[in-house]
Amino acid sequence: MPEKTVVHDDPMLIGPPPVIGGWQSFKEFVYNGDKGTIFGRTGLSWAKIGVFYLIFYGILAAMFAAMLLVFFQTLDPRIPRWKLEESLIGTNPGLGYRPMPQEPNLDSSLIWYKGTKPENYEPWTKQLDKFLDVYRRPGLTPGRGQNIHNCDFDNPPPTGKVCEVDVKNWYPCNTENNYDFHKGSPCIFLKLNKIYDWVPDYFNDTANLPDKMPNKLKEHIKNVPQKELNTVWVSCEGENPADIENIGAVDYIPKWGFPGYFYPYENSEGYLSPLVAVHFVAPRTGVLINIECKAWAKNIKHDRADRLGSVHFELMID
């Protein structure tokens, strides 16, 4: 008898489906025209998930904004929340100086130049010009123009007003005179760091001045009118015996310290820190002079390591 041919209709018995290559599989994942999907999702699926995440992140952003609003309601833009002993700054101000070494010598404290060559001292004088520009031009500091008050010991600033620091007439420590750098007798400007609400405890009793205060400063204080004794005094001296010999005469412009009517600092609009220009009249040339300047008040402690109440720099003029 002839053999019968058996036809199998079960697709499982036909064989494995055709193998799709990796590139073809990736293209179908990106866009599958038969199923109408992009990256494995239909347009409706992408719309649903997009709306979900839009609402989800919108709620998160709203919650974050609400918390920020509550937080900022507790802050005053001009008054710090933590002051004096409660703050990280503390109650002992540091002393700063200008001009300072620039790149690439940021870690240095040496002021060095050749007095007869403008190209050597101009970097220092230009830095002072930039630093003092806000003092010479009140319009550069918001609110300063209308808030300036001509202060003195008989006329302290009213609430909300700030004292003028008129550096234009501090001869020879002014820009027109190159701050006397060209004569080998440079002017170095000192400023006391700002601490909100800090009030100096002045050395205003001439009979009770500290033993470590320089004798020249003591003699000066004894000749100051009584009303001007409320001053944060300043002194600059050579650190070592050789430095004391080489530093020469020192003048302080306009006064031998920071007048008390600048304090307390209350972050009033337009406020600028008081300055003292220290004029080294005739320092010895060709030698390195180590200089330490100190601010003097009963509540200013001196710590060279932590740079509290004093500042160190070197001066060398060839």
Protein backbone atom coordinates (compact mmCIF):
# COMPACT_ATOMS: atom_id res chain seq x y z
CA MET A 1 0.00 0.00 0.00
CA PRO A 2 1.25 3.52 -0.76
CA GLU A 3 2.48 5.55 2.25
CA LYS A 4 0.28 8.38 3.51
CA THR A 5 1.76 11.86 3.84
CA VAL A 6 1.03 13.38 7.25
CA VAL A 7 0.52 17.17 7.30
CA HIS A 8 1.13 18.86 10.67
CA ASP A 9 -1.05 21.95 11.22
CA ASP A 10 0.39 22.73 14.71
CA PRO A 11 2.70 25.76 14.36
CA MET A 12 4.77 24.56 17.35
CA LEU A 13 5.93 21.75 15.17
CA ILE A 14 6.95 23.94 12.23
CA GLY A 15 10.22 25.17 13.82
CA PRO A 16 11.70 28.18 15.72
CA PRO A 17 10.83 31.76 14.66
CA PRO A 18 13.35 33.61 12.58
CA VAL A 19 16.27 35.13 14.53
CA ILE A 20 16.28 38.99 14.61
CA GLY A 21 19.68 40.67 14.73
CA GLY A 22 20.71 43.10 17.49
CA TRP A 23 20.60 46.20 15.25
CA GLN A 24 17.12 45.28 13.93
CA SER A 25 15.92 44.67 17.49
CA PHE A 26 17.23 48.08 18.58
CA LYS A 27 15.49 49.83 15.66
CA GLU A 28 12.21 48.13 16.51
CA PHE A 29 12.65 49.26 20.15
CA VAL A 30 13.18 52.85 19.07
CA TYR A 31 10.22 52.78 16.70
CA ASN A 32 7.89 49.89 15.97
CA GLY A 33 5.51 50.77 13.16
CA ASP A 34 3.44 47.62 13.51
CA LYS A 35 2.66 48.28 17.17
CA GLY A 36 2.88 52.07 16.98
CA THR A 37 5.42 52.31 19.86
CA ILE A 38 8.37 54.61 20.52
CA PHE A 39 10.94 53.27 22.98
CA GLY A 40 8.51 50.51 23.89
CA ARG A 41 5.56 52.80 24.72
CA THR A 42 2.61 54.03 22.71
CA GLY A 43 1.83 57.73 22.46
CA LEU A 44 -0.98 57.40 25.00
CA SER A 45 1.34 55.61 27.45
CA TRP A 46 3.96 58.38 27.12
CA ALA A 47 1.28 61.03 27.64
CA LYS A 48 0.06 59.35 30.85
CA ILE A 49 3.53 58.98 32.34
CA GLY A 50 4.43 62.55 31.30
CA VAL A 51 1.37 63.99 33.03
CA PHE A 52 2.12 61.93 36.14
CA TYR A 53 5.70 63.19 36.47
CA LEU A 54 4.66 66.76 35.65
CA ILE A 55 2.18 66.73 38.53
CA PHE A 56 4.61 64.87 40.83
CA TYR A 57 7.55 67.25 40.35
CA GLY A 58 5.22 70.24 40.31
CA ILE A 59 4.01 69.32 43.80
CA LEU A 60 7.61 68.81 44.98
CA ALA A 61 8.64 72.22 43.60
CA ALA A 62 5.65 73.90 45.24
CA MET A 63 6.46 72.30 48.60
CA PHE A 64 10.12 73.38 48.32
CA ALA A 65 9.11 76.95 47.40
CA ALA A 66 6.67 77.08 50.32
CA MET A 67 9.36 75.94 52.77
CA LEU A 68 11.81 78.52 51.38
CA LEU A 69 9.17 81.22 51.80
CA VAL A 70 8.61 80.25 55.42
CA PHE A 71 12.38 80.14 56.00
CA PHE A 72 13.00 83.59 54.51
CA GLN A 73 10.23 85.05 56.62
CA THR A 74 12.44 84.36 59.64
CA LEU A 75 15.44 86.23 58.17
CA ASP A 76 16.22 89.91 57.87
CA PRO A 77 18.32 90.81 54.79
CA ARG A 78 20.34 93.33 56.83
CA ILE A 79 20.43 91.84 60.32
CA PRO A 80 22.17 88.47 60.87
CA ARG A 81 20.31 85.96 62.98
CA TRP A 82 23.40 85.00 64.97
CA LYS A 83 25.45 87.91 66.26
CA LEU A 84 28.62 88.49 68.27
CA GLU A 85 29.33 85.53 70.60
CA GLU A 86 26.64 83.41 68.92
CA SER A 87 28.13 83.85 65.44
CA LEU A 88 31.00 82.05 63.76
CA ILE A 89 32.84 85.36 63.34
CA GLY A 90 32.87 86.01 67.07
CA THR A 91 33.65 89.33 68.73
CA ASN A 92 37.33 89.85 67.95
CA PRO A 93 37.82 91.68 64.63
CA GLY A 94 40.79 91.12 62.39
CA LEU A 95 42.86 93.79 60.71
CA GLY A 96 43.34 93.92 56.94
CA TYR A 97 45.70 95.86 54.69
CA ARG A 98 45.91 97.08 51.10
CA PRO A 99 47.61 96.70 48.69
CA MET A 100 48.16 92.96 48.89
CA PRO A 101 50.23 90.65 46.67
CA GLN A 102 48.24 89.40 43.69
CA GLU A 103 48.50 86.25 41.57
CA PRO A 104 50.68 84.24 41.43
CA ASN A 105 51.84 85.36 44.91
CA LEU A 106 48.55 85.17 46.83
CA ASP A 107 50.18 83.35 49.75
CA SER A 108 52.84 86.02 50.11
CA SER A 109 52.62 89.13 52.29
CA LEU A 110 55.59 90.93 50.72
CA ILE A 111 55.19 94.40 49.22
CA TRP A 112 58.28 94.80 47.02
CA TYR A 113 59.13 97.27 44.27
CA LYS A 114 61.80 99.57 42.91
CA GLY A 115 60.89 103.12 43.80
CA THR A 116 62.31 104.76 40.70
CA LYS A 117 60.57 102.54 38.16
CA PRO A 118 56.85 103.18 37.53
CA GLU A 119 56.37 99.74 36.00
CA ASN A 120 57.33 98.24 39.36
CA TYR A 121 55.17 100.33 41.69
CA GLU A 122 52.19 100.88 39.37
CA PRO A 123 50.68 97.42 40.05
CA TRP A 124 50.51 98.43 43.74
CA THR A 125 49.10 101.92 43.14
CA LYS A 126 46.55 100.64 40.62
CA GLN A 127 45.36 98.11 43.17
CA LEU A 128 44.89 100.93 45.68
CA ASP A 129 43.03 102.97 43.05
CA LYS A 130 40.61 100.08 42.56
CA PHE A 131 40.21 99.49 46.30
CA LEU A 132 39.54 103.17 47.05
CA ASP A 133 37.27 103.80 44.06
CA VAL A 134 34.11 103.16 46.11
CA TYR A 135 35.30 105.73 48.67
CA ARG A 136 35.96 108.39 46.05
CA ARG A 137 32.75 107.76 44.08
CA PRO A 138 29.71 107.38 46.36
CA GLY A 139 27.48 106.36 43.45
CA LEU A 140 29.26 103.00 43.18
CA THR A 141 27.77 101.86 46.51
CA PRO A 142 23.96 101.49 46.48
CA GLY A 143 22.28 103.96 48.80
CA ARG A 144 25.51 105.68 49.81
CA GLY A 145 24.92 108.95 47.96
CA GLN A 146 21.75 109.92 49.82
CA ASN A 147 22.85 108.40 53.14
CA ILE A 148 26.25 110.10 53.57
CA HIS A 149 26.59 112.15 56.75
CA ASN A 150 29.54 114.40 57.60
CA CYS A 151 30.44 112.87 60.94
CA ASP A 152 32.69 113.99 63.74
CA PHE A 153 32.85 113.34 67.48
CA ASP A 154 30.25 116.07 68.09
CA ASN A 155 28.05 114.96 65.21
CA PRO A 156 27.63 111.16 65.02
CA PRO A 157 25.48 109.71 62.23
CA PRO A 158 21.70 109.55 62.75
CA THR A 159 19.98 106.18 62.44
CA GLY A 160 20.20 104.91 58.88
CA LYS A 161 22.95 107.34 57.88
CA VAL A 162 26.60 106.48 57.21
CA CYS A 163 29.79 108.45 57.76
CA GLU A 164 31.83 109.73 54.87
CA VAL A 165 35.41 108.54 54.45
CA ASP A 166 37.00 111.33 52.42
CA VAL A 167 40.17 109.74 51.07
CA LYS A 168 40.59 112.33 48.29
CA ASN A 169 42.37 114.79 50.58
CA TRP A 170 44.66 112.38 52.39
CA TYR A 171 47.90 113.84 51.04
CA PRO A 172 50.40 112.35 50.38
CA CYS A 173 48.37 109.12 50.46
CA ASN A 174 46.24 109.84 47.40
CA THR A 175 46.14 108.73 43.79
CA GLU A 176 47.45 112.04 42.42
CA ASN A 177 50.62 111.53 44.44
CA ASN A 178 50.96 107.80 43.61
CA TYR A 179 50.42 107.16 47.34
CA ASP A 180 54.08 108.26 47.69
CA PHE A 181 55.28 104.93 46.26
CA HIS A 182 57.41 106.76 43.70
CA LYS A 183 59.39 108.43 46.50
CA GLY A 184 60.14 105.19 48.33
CA SER A 185 57.79 106.14 51.18
CA PRO A 186 54.63 104.13 50.48
CA CYS A 187 51.19 104.43 52.06
CA ILE A 188 49.54 101.21 53.25
CA PHE A 189 45.84 101.31 54.06
CA LEU A 190 44.39 99.49 57.07
CA LYS A 191 40.79 98.50 57.74
CA LEU A 192 39.12 96.70 60.63
CA ASN A 193 36.90 93.77 59.69
CA LYS A 194 33.18 94.40 60.09
CA ILE A 195 31.28 92.61 62.88
CA TYR A 196 27.59 93.39 63.19
CA ASP A 197 26.63 95.20 66.43
CA TRP A 198 30.20 95.15 67.74
CA VAL A 199 31.04 98.17 69.90
CA PRO A 200 34.68 98.87 70.82
CA ASP A 201 35.62 99.13 74.46
CA TYR A 202 37.98 102.05 74.06
CA PHE A 203 41.29 102.79 75.73
CA ASN A 204 40.10 106.26 76.65
CA ASP A 205 41.66 106.53 80.10
CA THR A 206 45.16 107.91 79.66
CA ALA A 207 46.11 106.65 83.13
CA ASN A 208 45.26 103.03 82.28
CA LEU A 209 46.88 102.19 78.96
CA PRO A 210 48.22 98.65 78.39
CA ASP A 211 51.89 97.98 79.00
CA LYS A 212 52.35 96.45 75.54
CA MET A 213 51.02 99.51 73.75
CA PRO A 214 53.84 101.37 71.93
CA ASN A 215 55.17 104.37 73.84
CA LYS A 216 54.70 106.69 70.86
CA LEU A 217 51.01 105.79 70.73
CA LYS A 218 50.69 106.32 74.49
CA GLU A 219 52.20 109.79 74.17
CA HIS A 220 49.85 110.59 71.32
CA ILE A 221 46.78 109.47 73.28
CA LYS A 222 47.75 111.68 76.21
CA ASN A 223 47.63 114.72 73.90
CA VAL A 224 44.30 113.87 72.27
CA PRO A 225 41.24 115.97 73.26
CA GLN A 226 38.94 114.17 75.66
CA LYS A 227 36.07 113.86 73.19
CA GLU A 228 38.31 112.12 70.63
CA LEU A 229 39.55 109.41 72.99
CA ASN A 230 36.77 107.06 71.86
CA THR A 231 38.95 105.71 69.05
CA VAL A 232 40.16 102.27 68.04
CA TRP A 233 43.87 103.10 68.02
CA VAL A 234 46.30 101.72 65.44
CA SER A 235 50.04 101.11 65.63
CA CYS A 236 52.56 99.78 63.11
CA GLU A 237 56.03 98.69 64.22
CA GLY A 238 58.95 96.59 63.12
CA GLU A 239 58.68 93.08 64.52
CA ASN A 240 62.35 92.59 65.39
CA PRO A 241 65.09 94.95 66.63
CA ALA A 242 66.54 95.24 63.11
CA ASP A 243 63.07 95.94 61.70
CA ILE A 244 62.46 98.63 64.32
CA GLU A 245 65.69 100.31 63.25
CA ASN A 246 64.93 100.03 59.53
CA ILE A 247 61.26 101.03 59.48
CA GLY A 248 61.87 104.74 60.05
CA ALA A 249 59.18 107.31 60.86
CA VAL A 250 55.52 106.35 60.52
CA ASP A 251 52.58 108.75 60.07
CA TYR A 252 48.86 107.93 60.34
CA ILE A 253 46.35 109.69 58.07
CA PRO A 254 43.85 111.20 58.75
CA LYS A 255 43.95 110.03 62.41
CA TRP A 256 45.88 107.56 64.52
CA GLY A 257 43.00 105.10 64.48
CA PHE A 258 39.35 104.43 63.61
CA PRO A 259 36.98 107.05 65.11
CA GLY A 260 34.32 105.68 67.43
CA TYR A 261 31.43 107.32 65.59
CA PHE A 262 31.74 104.62 62.89
CA TYR A 263 30.55 102.02 65.42
CA PRO A 264 28.53 99.93 65.87
CA TYR A 265 28.33 98.54 62.36
CA GLU A 266 24.63 97.97 61.58
CA ASN A 267 24.80 97.17 57.87
CA SER A 268 23.19 100.49 56.96
CA GLU A 269 22.80 101.03 53.25
CA GLY A 270 25.93 102.62 51.82
CA TYR A 271 28.19 101.86 54.79
CA LEU A 272 31.93 101.67 54.12
CA SER A 273 34.53 100.70 56.70
CA PRO A 274 36.74 103.47 58.09
CA LEU A 275 40.34 103.47 56.89
CA VAL A 276 43.72 104.54 58.18
CA ALA A 277 46.54 105.31 55.75
CA VAL A 278 49.88 104.35 57.28
CA HIS A 279 52.65 106.43 55.68
CA PHE A 280 56.10 104.90 55.96
CA VAL A 281 58.06 108.11 55.57
CA ALA A 282 61.63 106.86 55.13
CA PRO A 283 62.03 103.09 55.34
CA ARG A 284 65.53 101.80 54.69
CA THR A 285 65.95 100.56 51.13
CA GLY A 286 67.47 97.29 50.04
CA VAL A 287 66.43 95.36 53.16
CA LEU A 288 63.37 93.30 54.06
CA ILE A 289 61.36 94.93 56.87
CA ASN A 290 58.89 92.80 58.87
CA ILE A 291 55.97 94.96 60.00
CA GLU A 292 53.14 94.22 62.41
CA CYS A 293 50.16 96.54 62.73
CA LYS A 294 47.72 96.26 65.63
CA ALA A 295 44.30 97.64 66.47
CA TRP A 296 43.89 98.69 70.09
CA ALA A 297 40.70 98.41 72.18
CA LYS A 298 40.00 96.60 75.42
CA ASN A 299 37.87 94.01 73.61
CA ILE A 300 40.40 93.36 70.83
CA LYS A 301 42.75 90.50 71.60
CA HIS A 302 45.95 90.03 69.61
CA ASP A 303 46.71 86.60 68.22
CA ARG A 304 49.21 86.43 65.38
CA ALA A 305 48.47 82.77 64.57
CA ASP A 306 44.71 83.33 64.22
CA ARG A 307 45.15 86.82 62.70
CA LEU A 308 43.08 88.46 65.39
CA GLY A 309 43.46 92.17 66.05
CA SER A 310 46.68 92.46 64.04
CA VAL A 311 48.17 91.98 60.61
CA HIS A 312 51.68 91.15 59.40
CA PHE A 313 53.34 92.08 56.11
CA GLU A 314 56.82 92.70 54.76
CA LEU A 315 58.07 95.78 52.96
CA MET A 316 61.09 95.88 50.66
CA ILE A 317 62.08 98.82 48.47
CA ASP A 318 65.11 98.54 46.18
